[in-house]
Structure formats: structure tokens, C-alpha cells
PDB file of N, CA and C in Angstrom:
ATOM      1  N   UNK A   1      -8.766 -29.093  34.223  1.00  0.00           N
ATOM      2  CA  UNK A   1      -8.557 -28.372  35.460  1.00  0.00           C
ATOM      3  C   UNK A   1      -7.051 -28.221  35.665  1.00  0.00           C
ATOM      4  N   UNK A   2      -6.643 -26.998  35.970  1.00  0.00           N
ATOM      5  CA  UNK A   2      -5.242 -26.729  36.278  1.00  0.00           C
ATOM      6  C   UNK A   2      -5.183 -26.175  37.692  1.00  0.00           C
ATOM      7  N   UNK A   3      -4.453 -26.883  38.555  1.00  0.00           N
ATOM      8  CA  UNK A   3      -4.323 -26.506  39.954  1.00  0.00           C
ATOM      9  C   UNK A   3      -2.900 -26.070  40.258  1.00  0.00           C
ATOM     10  N   UNK A   4      -2.747 -25.186  41.232  1.00  0.00           N
ATOM     11  CA  UNK A   4      -1.437 -24.777  41.721  1.00  0.00           C
ATOM     12  C   UNK A   4      -1.332 -25.250  43.167  1.00  0.00           C
ATOM     13  N   UNK A   5      -0.243 -25.924  43.486  1.00  0.00           N
ATOM     14  CA  UNK A   5      -0.065 -26.423  44.839  1.00  0.00           C
ATOM     15  C   UNK A   5       1.307 -27.024  45.008  1.00  0.00           C
ATOM     16  N   UNK A   6       1.445 -27.833  46.052  1.00  0.00           N
ATOM     17  CA  UNK A   6       2.733 -28.482  46.286  1.00  0.00           C
ATOM     18  C   UNK A   6       2.545 -29.854  46.903  1.00  0.00           C
ATOM     19  N   UNK A   7       3.507 -30.706  46.650  1.00  0.00           N
ATOM     20  CA  UNK A   7       3.543 -32.034  47.240  1.00  0.00           C
ATOM     21  C   UNK A   7       3.913 -31.894  48.713  1.00  0.00           C
ATOM     22  N   UNK A   8       3.178 -32.609  49.581  1.00  0.00           N
ATOM     23  CA  UNK A   8       3.459 -32.548  51.019  1.00  0.00           C
ATOM     24  C   UNK A   8       3.620 -33.956  51.577  1.00  0.00           C
ATOM     25  N   UNK A   9       4.444 -34.080  52.595  1.00  0.00           N
ATOM     26  CA  UNK A   9       4.615 -35.348  53.314  1.00  0.00           C
ATOM     27  C   UNK A   9       3.521 -35.443  54.367  1.00  0.00           C
ATOM     28  N   UNK A  10       2.991 -36.663  54.581  1.00  0.00           N
ATOM     29  CA  UNK A  10       1.911 -36.876  55.537  1.00  0.00           C
ATOM     30  C   UNK A  10       2.269 -37.965  56.534  1.00  0.00           C
ATOM     31  N   UNK A  11       1.827 -37.796  57.787  1.00  0.00           N
ATOM     32  CA  UNK A  11       2.001 -38.871  58.763  1.00  0.00           C
ATOM     33  C   UNK A  11       0.844 -39.867  58.606  1.00  0.00           C
ATOM     34  N   UNK A  12       0.784 -40.890  59.444  1.00  0.00           N
ATOM     35  CA  UNK A  12      -0.224 -41.942  59.296  1.00  0.00           C
ATOM     36  C   UNK A  12      -1.652 -41.436  59.521  1.00  0.00           C
ATOM     37  N   UNK A  13      -1.803 -40.294  60.193  1.00  0.00           N
ATOM     38  CA  UNK A  13      -3.134 -39.717  60.413  1.00  0.00           C
ATOM     39  C   UNK A  13      -3.497 -38.692  59.345  1.00  0.00           C
ATOM     40  N   UNK A  14      -2.601 -38.476  58.375  1.00  0.00           N
ATOM     41  CA  UNK A  14      -2.850 -37.513  57.315  1.00  0.00           C
ATOM     42  C   UNK A  14      -2.416 -36.101  57.634  1.00  0.00           C
ATOM     43  N   UNK A  15      -1.699 -35.912  58.729  1.00  0.00           N
ATOM     44  CA  UNK A  15      -1.213 -34.590  59.125  1.00  0.00           C
ATOM     45  C   UNK A  15       0.081 -34.270  58.371  1.00  0.00           C
ATOM     46  N   UNK A  16       0.206 -33.039  57.840  1.00  0.00           N
ATOM     47  CA  UNK A  16       1.429 -32.674  57.119  1.00  0.00           C
ATOM     48  C   UNK A  16       2.673 -32.747  58.010  1.00  0.00           C
ATOM     49  N   UNK A  17       3.777 -33.190  57.409  1.00  0.00           N
ATOM     50  CA  UNK A  17       5.070 -33.288  58.080  1.00  0.00           C
ATOM     51  C   UNK A  17       6.052 -32.322  57.438  1.00  0.00           C
ATOM     52  N   UNK A  18       7.239 -32.225  58.005  1.00  0.00           N
ATOM     53  CA  UNK A  18       8.311 -31.414  57.423  1.00  0.00           C
ATOM     54  C   UNK A  18       8.674 -31.938  56.032  1.00  0.00           C
ATOM     55  N   UNK A  19       9.144 -31.047  55.186  1.00  0.00           N
ATOM     56  CA  UNK A  19       9.483 -31.382  53.807  1.00  0.00           C
ATOM     57  C   UNK A  19      10.473 -32.551  53.722  1.00  0.00           C
ATOM     58  N   UNK A  20      11.405 -32.629  54.648  1.00  0.00           N
ATOM     59  CA  UNK A  20      12.434 -33.673  54.614  1.00  0.00           C
ATOM     60  C   UNK A  20      11.818 -35.078  54.660  1.00  0.00           C
ATOM     61  N   UNK A  21      10.615 -35.208  55.207  1.00  0.00           N
ATOM     62  CA  UNK A  21       9.957 -36.518  55.276  1.00  0.00           C
ATOM     63  C   UNK A  21       9.669 -37.067  53.880  1.00  0.00           C
ATOM     64  N   UNK A  22       9.507 -36.195  52.883  1.00  0.00           N
ATOM     65  CA  UNK A  22       9.308 -36.662  51.506  1.00  0.00           C
ATOM     66  C   UNK A  22      10.535 -37.435  51.019  1.00  0.00           C
ATOM     67  N   UNK A  23      11.694 -36.981  51.402  1.00  0.00           N
ATOM     68  CA  UNK A  23      12.937 -37.615  50.976  1.00  0.00           C
ATOM     69  C   UNK A  23      13.139 -38.977  51.625  1.00  0.00           C
ATOM     70  N   UNK A  24      12.404 -39.243  52.700  1.00  0.00           N
ATOM     71  CA  UNK A  24      12.524 -40.516  53.409  1.00  0.00           C
ATOM     72  C   UNK A  24      11.505 -41.535  52.925  1.00  0.00           C
ATOM     73  N   UNK A  25      10.693 -41.168  51.915  1.00  0.00           N
ATOM     74  CA  UNK A  25       9.795 -42.129  51.288  1.00  0.00           C
ATOM     75  C   UNK A  25       8.489 -42.396  52.012  1.00  0.00           C
ATOM     76  N   UNK A  26       8.012 -41.463  52.825  1.00  0.00           N
ATOM     77  CA  UNK A  26       6.740 -41.650  53.518  1.00  0.00           C
ATOM     78  C   UNK A  26       5.555 -41.365  52.616  1.00  0.00           C
ATOM     79  N   UNK A  27       4.380 -41.318  53.216  1.00  0.00           N
ATOM     80  CA  UNK A  27       3.159 -40.993  52.474  1.00  0.00           C
ATOM     81  C   UNK A  27       3.207 -39.540  52.021  1.00  0.00           C
ATOM     82  N   UNK A  28       2.495 -39.254  50.937  1.00  0.00           N
ATOM     83  CA  UNK A  28       2.467 -37.887  50.441  1.00  0.00           C
ATOM     84  C   UNK A  28       1.063 -37.521  49.982  1.00  0.00           C
ATOM     85  N   UNK A  29       0.845 -36.226  49.842  1.00  0.00           N
ATOM     86  CA  UNK A  29      -0.406 -35.688  49.347  1.00  0.00           C
ATOM     87  C   UNK A  29      -0.122 -34.430  48.560  1.00  0.00           C
ATOM     88  N   UNK A  30      -1.171 -33.778  48.078  1.00  0.00           N
ATOM     89  CA  UNK A  30      -1.021 -32.557  47.294  1.00  0.00           C
ATOM     90  C   UNK A  30      -1.872 -31.470  47.927  1.00  0.00           C
ATOM     91  N   UNK A  31      -1.240 -30.389  48.394  1.00  0.00           N
ATOM     92  CA  UNK A  31      -1.943 -29.250  48.980  1.00  0.00           C
ATOM     93  C   UNK A  31      -2.185 -28.226  47.878  1.00  0.00           C
ATOM     94  N   UNK A  32      -3.435 -27.910  47.605  1.00  0.00           N
ATOM     95  CA  UNK A  32      -3.806 -27.013  46.511  1.00  0.00           C
ATOM     96  C   UNK A  32      -3.976 -25.593  47.033  1.00  0.00           C
ATOM     97  N   UNK A  33      -3.282 -24.652  46.374  1.00  0.00           N
ATOM     98  CA  UNK A  33      -3.349 -23.238  46.743  1.00  0.00           C
ATOM     99  C   UNK A  33      -4.347 -22.471  45.883  1.00  0.00           C
ATOM    100  N   UNK A  34      -4.442 -22.858  44.613  1.00  0.00           N
ATOM    101  CA  UNK A  34      -5.182 -22.039  43.657  1.00  0.00           C
ATOM    102  C   UNK A  34      -5.662 -22.901  42.498  1.00  0.00           C
ATOM    103  N   UNK A  35      -6.679 -22.422  41.800  1.00  0.00           N
ATOM    104  CA  UNK A  35      -7.156 -23.063  40.575  1.00  0.00           C
ATOM    105  C   UNK A  35      -7.008 -22.043  39.455  1.00  0.00           C
ATOM    106  N   UNK A  36      -6.356 -22.445  38.371  1.00  0.00           N
ATOM    107  CA  UNK A  36      -6.055 -21.525  37.274  1.00  0.00           C
ATOM    108  C   UNK A  36      -7.009 -21.679  36.105  1.00  0.00           C
ATOM    109  N   UNK A  37      -7.563 -22.890  35.917  1.00  0.00           N
ATOM    110  CA  UNK A  37      -8.568 -23.097  34.876  1.00  0.00           C
ATOM    111  C   UNK A  37      -9.454 -24.264  35.267  1.00  0.00           C
ATOM    112  N   UNK A  38     -10.685 -24.242  34.743  1.00  0.00           N
ATOM    113  CA  UNK A  38     -11.658 -25.290  35.013  1.00  0.00           C
ATOM    114  C   UNK A  38     -12.529 -25.450  33.778  1.00  0.00           C
ATOM    115  N   UNK A  39     -12.632 -26.670  33.288  1.00  0.00           N
ATOM    116  CA  UNK A  39     -13.458 -26.974  32.110  1.00  0.00           C
ATOM    117  C   UNK A  39     -13.130 -26.027  30.949  1.00  0.00           C
ATOM    118  N   UNK A  40     -11.846 -25.891  30.662  1.00  0.00           N
ATOM    119  CA  UNK A  40     -11.321 -25.050  29.575  1.00  0.00           C
ATOM    120  C   UNK A  40     -11.602 -23.560  29.758  1.00  0.00           C
ATOM    121  N   UNK A  41     -11.982 -23.148  30.963  1.00  0.00           N
ATOM    122  CA  UNK A  41     -12.216 -21.735  31.265  1.00  0.00           C
ATOM    123  C   UNK A  41     -11.044 -21.198  32.067  1.00  0.00           C
ATOM    124  N   UNK A  42     -10.394 -20.163  31.546  1.00  0.00           N
ATOM    125  CA  UNK A  42      -9.267 -19.529  32.226  1.00  0.00           C
ATOM    126  C   UNK A  42      -9.797 -18.714  33.403  1.00  0.00           C
ATOM    127  N   UNK A  43      -9.329 -19.043  34.599  1.00  0.00           N
ATOM    128  CA  UNK A  43      -9.795 -18.363  35.806  1.00  0.00           C
ATOM    129  C   UNK A  43      -8.792 -17.351  36.354  1.00  0.00           C
ATOM    130  N   UNK A  44      -7.651 -17.189  35.698  1.00  0.00           N
ATOM    131  CA  UNK A  44      -6.598 -16.334  36.243  1.00  0.00           C
ATOM    132  C   UNK A  44      -7.014 -14.874  36.414  1.00  0.00           C
ATOM    133  N   UNK A  45      -7.958 -14.396  35.616  1.00  0.00           N
ATOM    134  CA  UNK A  45      -8.398 -13.005  35.758  1.00  0.00           C
ATOM    135  C   UNK A  45      -9.473 -12.838  36.833  1.00  0.00           C
ATOM    136  N   UNK A  46      -9.958 -13.955  37.375  1.00  0.00           N
ATOM    137  CA  UNK A  46     -10.949 -13.895  38.451  1.00  0.00           C
ATOM    138  C   UNK A  46     -10.259 -13.513  39.765  1.00  0.00           C
ATOM    139  N   UNK A  47     -10.971 -12.838  40.670  1.00  0.00           N
ATOM    140  CA  UNK A  47     -10.376 -12.518  41.973  1.00  0.00           C
ATOM    141  C   UNK A  47      -9.996 -13.801  42.717  1.00  0.00           C
ATOM    142  N   UNK A  48      -8.961 -13.694  43.563  1.00  0.00           N
ATOM    143  CA  UNK A  48      -8.516 -14.852  44.336  1.00  0.00           C
ATOM    144  C   UNK A  48      -9.655 -15.432  45.156  1.00  0.00           C
ATOM    145  N   UNK A  49     -10.510 -14.579  45.717  1.00  0.00           N
ATOM    146  CA  UNK A  49     -11.611 -15.056  46.556  1.00  0.00           C
ATOM    147  C   UNK A  49     -12.579 -15.920  45.760  1.00  0.00           C
ATOM    148  N   UNK A  50     -12.820 -15.585  44.502  1.00  0.00           N
ATOM    149  CA  UNK A  50     -13.707 -16.393  43.649  1.00  0.00           C
ATOM    150  C   UNK A  50     -13.065 -17.742  43.341  1.00  0.00           C
ATOM    151  N   UNK A  51     -11.766 -17.721  43.037  1.00  0.00           N
ATOM    152  CA  UNK A  51     -11.066 -18.984  42.745  1.00  0.00           C
ATOM    153  C   UNK A  51     -11.024 -19.864  43.992  1.00  0.00           C
ATOM    154  N   UNK A  52     -10.814 -19.256  45.149  1.00  0.00           N
ATOM    155  CA  UNK A  52     -10.778 -20.011  46.403  1.00  0.00           C
ATOM    156  C   UNK A  52     -12.143 -20.645  46.683  1.00  0.00           C
ATOM    157  N   UNK A  53     -13.231 -19.932  46.391  1.00  0.00           N
ATOM    158  CA  UNK A  53     -14.580 -20.471  46.585  1.00  0.00           C
ATOM    159  C   UNK A  53     -14.813 -21.690  45.689  1.00  0.00           C
ATOM    160  N   UNK A  54     -14.304 -21.647  44.465  1.00  0.00           N
ATOM    161  CA  UNK A  54     -14.414 -22.803  43.559  1.00  0.00           C
ATOM    162  C   UNK A  54     -13.676 -23.990  44.155  1.00  0.00           C
ATOM    163  N   UNK A  55     -12.456 -23.761  44.636  1.00  0.00           N
ATOM    164  CA  UNK A  55     -11.678 -24.848  45.239  1.00  0.00           C
ATOM    165  C   UNK A  55     -12.388 -25.444  46.448  1.00  0.00           C
ATOM    166  N   UNK A  56     -12.987 -24.596  47.255  1.00  0.00           N
ATOM    167  CA  UNK A  56     -13.693 -25.061  48.449  1.00  0.00           C
ATOM    168  C   UNK A  56     -14.810 -26.029  48.076  1.00  0.00           C
ATOM    169  N   UNK A  57     -15.481 -25.780  46.960  1.00  0.00           N
ATOM    170  CA  UNK A  57     -16.562 -26.660  46.500  1.00  0.00           C
ATOM    171  C   UNK A  57     -16.023 -27.944  45.869  1.00  0.00           C
ATOM    172  N   UNK A  58     -14.874 -27.866  45.217  1.00  0.00           N
ATOM    173  CA  UNK A  58     -14.336 -29.005  44.465  1.00  0.00           C
ATOM    174  C   UNK A  58     -13.552 -30.019  45.299  1.00  0.00           C
ATOM    175  N   UNK A  59     -12.814 -29.532  46.291  1.00  0.00           N
ATOM    176  CA  UNK A  59     -11.870 -30.400  46.991  1.00  0.00           C
ATOM    177  C   UNK A  59     -12.458 -31.000  48.258  1.00  0.00           C
ATOM    178  N   UNK A  60     -12.066 -32.242  48.569  1.00  0.00           N
ATOM    179  CA  UNK A  60     -12.565 -32.877  49.789  1.00  0.00           C
ATOM    180  C   UNK A  60     -12.044 -32.166  51.033  1.00  0.00           C
ATOM    181  N   UNK A  61     -12.827 -32.218  52.082  1.00  0.00           N
ATOM    182  CA  UNK A  61     -12.452 -31.572  53.345  1.00  0.00           C
ATOM    183  C   UNK A  61     -11.743 -32.540  54.283  1.00  0.00           C
ATOM    184  N   UNK A  62     -11.685 -33.795  53.941  1.00  0.00           N
ATOM    185  CA  UNK A  62     -11.091 -34.813  54.809  1.00  0.00           C
ATOM    186  C   UNK A  62      -9.596 -34.584  54.997  1.00  0.00           C
ATOM    187  N   UNK A  63      -9.131 -34.714  56.242  1.00  0.00           N
ATOM    188  CA  UNK A  63      -7.698 -34.602  56.532  1.00  0.00           C
ATOM    189  C   UNK A  63      -6.943 -35.774  55.936  1.00  0.00           C
ATOM    190  N   UNK A  64      -7.637 -36.848  55.566  1.00  0.00           N
ATOM    191  CA  UNK A  64      -6.975 -38.001  54.989  1.00  0.00           C
ATOM    192  C   UNK A  64      -6.962 -37.956  53.453  1.00  0.00           C
ATOM    193  N   UNK A  65      -7.530 -36.929  52.863  1.00  0.00           N
ATOM    194  CA  UNK A  65      -7.558 -36.805  51.406  1.00  0.00           C
ATOM    195  C   UNK A  65      -6.143 -36.591  50.873  1.00  0.00           C
ATOM    196  N   UNK A  66      -5.847 -37.215  49.750  1.00  0.00           N
ATOM    197  CA  UNK A  66      -4.526 -37.040  49.145  1.00  0.00           C
ATOM    198  C   UNK A  66      -4.391 -35.689  48.451  1.00  0.00           C
ATOM    199  N   UNK A  67      -5.498 -35.149  47.943  1.00  0.00           N
ATOM    200  CA  UNK A  67      -5.518 -33.810  47.364  1.00  0.00           C
ATOM    201  C   UNK A  67      -6.414 -32.987  48.269  1.00  0.00           C
ATOM    202  N   UNK A  68      -5.856 -31.909  48.827  1.00  0.00           N
ATOM    203  CA  UNK A  68      -6.620 -31.115  49.793  1.00  0.00           C
ATOM    204  C   UNK A  68      -6.370 -29.630  49.608  1.00  0.00           C
ATOM    205  N   UNK A  69      -7.324 -28.839  50.064  1.00  0.00           N
ATOM    206  CA  UNK A  69      -7.202 -27.397  50.023  1.00  0.00           C
ATOM    207  C   UNK A  69      -6.233 -26.955  51.111  1.00  0.00           C
ATOM    208  N   UNK A  70      -5.262 -26.144  50.739  1.00  0.00           N
ATOM    209  CA  UNK A  70      -4.312 -25.646  51.730  1.00  0.00           C
ATOM    210  C   UNK A  70      -4.954 -24.539  52.552  1.00  0.00           C
ATOM    211  N   UNK A  71      -4.453 -24.328  53.778  1.00  0.00           N
ATOM    212  CA  UNK A  71      -4.955 -23.184  54.538  1.00  0.00           C
ATOM    213  C   UNK A  71      -4.526 -21.889  53.859  1.00  0.00           C
ATOM    214  N   UNK A  72      -5.218 -20.828  54.151  1.00  0.00           N
ATOM    215  CA  UNK A  72      -4.888 -19.517  53.606  1.00  0.00           C
ATOM    216  C   UNK A  72      -4.049 -18.765  54.633  1.00  0.00           C
ATOM    217  N   UNK A  73      -2.954 -18.136  54.193  1.00  0.00           N
ATOM    218  CA  UNK A  73      -2.063 -17.408  55.100  1.00  0.00           C
ATOM    219  C   UNK A  73      -1.859 -15.988  54.601  1.00  0.00           C
ATOM    220  N   UNK A  74      -1.906 -15.059  55.535  1.00  0.00           N
ATOM    221  CA  UNK A  74      -1.605 -13.661  55.245  1.00  0.00           C
ATOM    222  C   UNK A  74      -0.566 -13.228  56.262  1.00  0.00           C
ATOM    223  N   UNK A  75       0.609 -12.825  55.797  1.00  0.00           N
ATOM    224  CA  UNK A  75       1.700 -12.387  56.668  1.00  0.00           C
ATOM    225  C   UNK A  75       2.039 -13.442  57.727  1.00  0.00           C
ATOM    226  N   UNK A  76       2.054 -14.727  57.317  1.00  0.00           N
ATOM    227  CA  UNK A  76       2.467 -15.787  58.218  1.00  0.00           C
ATOM    228  C   UNK A  76       1.396 -16.295  59.155  1.00  0.00           C
ATOM    229  N   UNK A  77       0.195 -15.752  59.092  1.00  0.00           N
ATOM    230  CA  UNK A  77      -0.881 -16.168  59.978  1.00  0.00           C
ATOM    231  C   UNK A  77      -2.037 -16.694  59.142  1.00  0.00           C
ATOM    232  N   UNK A  78      -2.608 -17.843  59.528  1.00  0.00           N
ATOM    233  CA  UNK A  78      -3.775 -18.366  58.816  1.00  0.00           C
ATOM    234  C   UNK A  78      -4.894 -17.340  58.923  1.00  0.00           C
ATOM    235  N   UNK A  79      -5.474 -16.994  57.795  1.00  0.00           N
ATOM    236  CA  UNK A  79      -6.535 -15.988  57.799  1.00  0.00           C
ATOM    237  C   UNK A  79      -7.355 -16.094  56.526  1.00  0.00           C
ATOM    238  N   UNK A  80      -8.591 -15.662  56.599  1.00  0.00           N
ATOM    239  CA  UNK A  80      -9.431 -15.568  55.403  1.00  0.00           C
ATOM    240  C   UNK A  80      -9.008 -14.322  54.645  1.00  0.00           C
ATOM    241  N   UNK A  81      -8.897 -14.417  53.346  1.00  0.00           N
ATOM    242  CA  UNK A  81      -8.499 -13.253  52.557  1.00  0.00           C
ATOM    243  C   UNK A  81      -9.718 -12.647  51.872  1.00  0.00           C
ATOM    244  N   UNK A  82     -10.842 -12.582  52.563  1.00  0.00           N
ATOM    245  CA  UNK A  82     -12.076 -12.109  51.955  1.00  0.00           C
ATOM    246  C   UNK A  82     -11.970 -10.653  51.484  1.00  0.00           C
ATOM    247  N   UNK A  83     -11.077  -9.873  52.079  1.00  0.00           N
ATOM    248  CA  UNK A  83     -10.923  -8.489  51.665  1.00  0.00           C
ATOM    249  C   UNK A  83     -10.167  -8.382  50.339  1.00  0.00           C
ATOM    250  N   UNK A  84      -9.469  -9.439  49.966  1.00  0.00           N
ATOM    251  CA  UNK A  84      -8.631  -9.385  48.770  1.00  0.00           C
ATOM    252  C   UNK A  84      -9.450  -9.669  47.530  1.00  0.00           C
ATOM    253  N   UNK A  85      -9.430  -8.767  46.584  1.00  0.00           N
ATOM    254  CA  UNK A  85     -10.096  -8.975  45.306  1.00  0.00           C
ATOM    255  C   UNK A  85      -9.073  -8.854  44.180  1.00  0.00           C
ATOM    256  N   UNK A  86      -7.841  -9.192  44.485  1.00  0.00           N
ATOM    257  CA  UNK A  86      -6.754  -9.033  43.526  1.00  0.00           C
ATOM    258  C   UNK A  86      -6.720 -10.234  42.591  1.00  0.00           C
ATOM    259  N   UNK A  87      -6.830 -10.023  41.266  1.00  0.00           N
ATOM    260  CA  UNK A  87      -6.759 -11.146  40.343  1.00  0.00           C
ATOM    261  C   UNK A  87      -5.358 -11.724  40.264  1.00  0.00           C
ATOM    262  N   UNK A  88      -5.260 -12.941  39.774  1.00  0.00           N
ATOM    263  CA  UNK A  88      -3.984 -13.607  39.568  1.00  0.00           C
ATOM    264  C   UNK A  88      -3.185 -12.819  38.539  1.00  0.00           C
ATOM    265  N   UNK A  89      -1.914 -12.546  38.779  1.00  0.00           N
ATOM    266  CA  UNK A  89      -1.126 -11.766  37.821  1.00  0.00           C
ATOM    267  C   UNK A  89      -0.950 -12.517  36.505  1.00  0.00           C
ATOM    268  N   UNK A  90      -1.082 -11.803  35.412  1.00  0.00           N
ATOM    269  CA  UNK A  90      -0.879 -12.403  34.093  1.00  0.00           C
ATOM    270  C   UNK A  90       0.590 -12.378  33.743  1.00  0.00           C
ATOM    271  N   UNK A  91       1.046 -13.385  32.987  1.00  0.00           N
ATOM    272  CA  UNK A  91       2.467 -13.409  32.595  1.00  0.00           C
ATOM    273  C   UNK A  91       2.804 -12.318  31.608  1.00  0.00           C
TER     274      UNK A  91
END
């Protein structure tokens, strides 16, 4: 499994903090944005919505999970991207 995401700082309740909190040595987690492959299957040509559905099934929903699904944002606002069927760009 190959995931795309970023390391995030967490407070004691598991809520994300500002990036600078990572430099202060607090708790951390991994926010996952995308899945690029699963069980040796390349998913990059799949639509983003299909890859997001896979992540939704795979990742825990708990706010205290160290690896969690990130919210989806469109133009700075959290939103479902169900209208988007754009595949991941190939290198």
C-alpha cells in the first residue's frame, strides 16, 4: 500500500495543531490524502473519487487514530468532490 499524506501535530484529544507544534516534540499522526497503490495494484489511473472511497473503507474514523483520512477541500472549503472524476496525473 502506498499512501500520500502528511505528518500532523496532535493535541491530547487527537485534534490537529499548527505545524510548529511538531517542532516542539508533541504527539503526531499521519493525515492521508490519497492512495496510490494497494496490494501491488496501481491506482493512480483511477478517479480520485474511487481512490477516496477505498481510503474511507481502509482507514479508521477515530479522531484519536494515528493514521487518519484527511478532510477533502475544494477552493479552501471542506467539501465532497463527488463531481470530480479526474484521475491522478501520471509522471
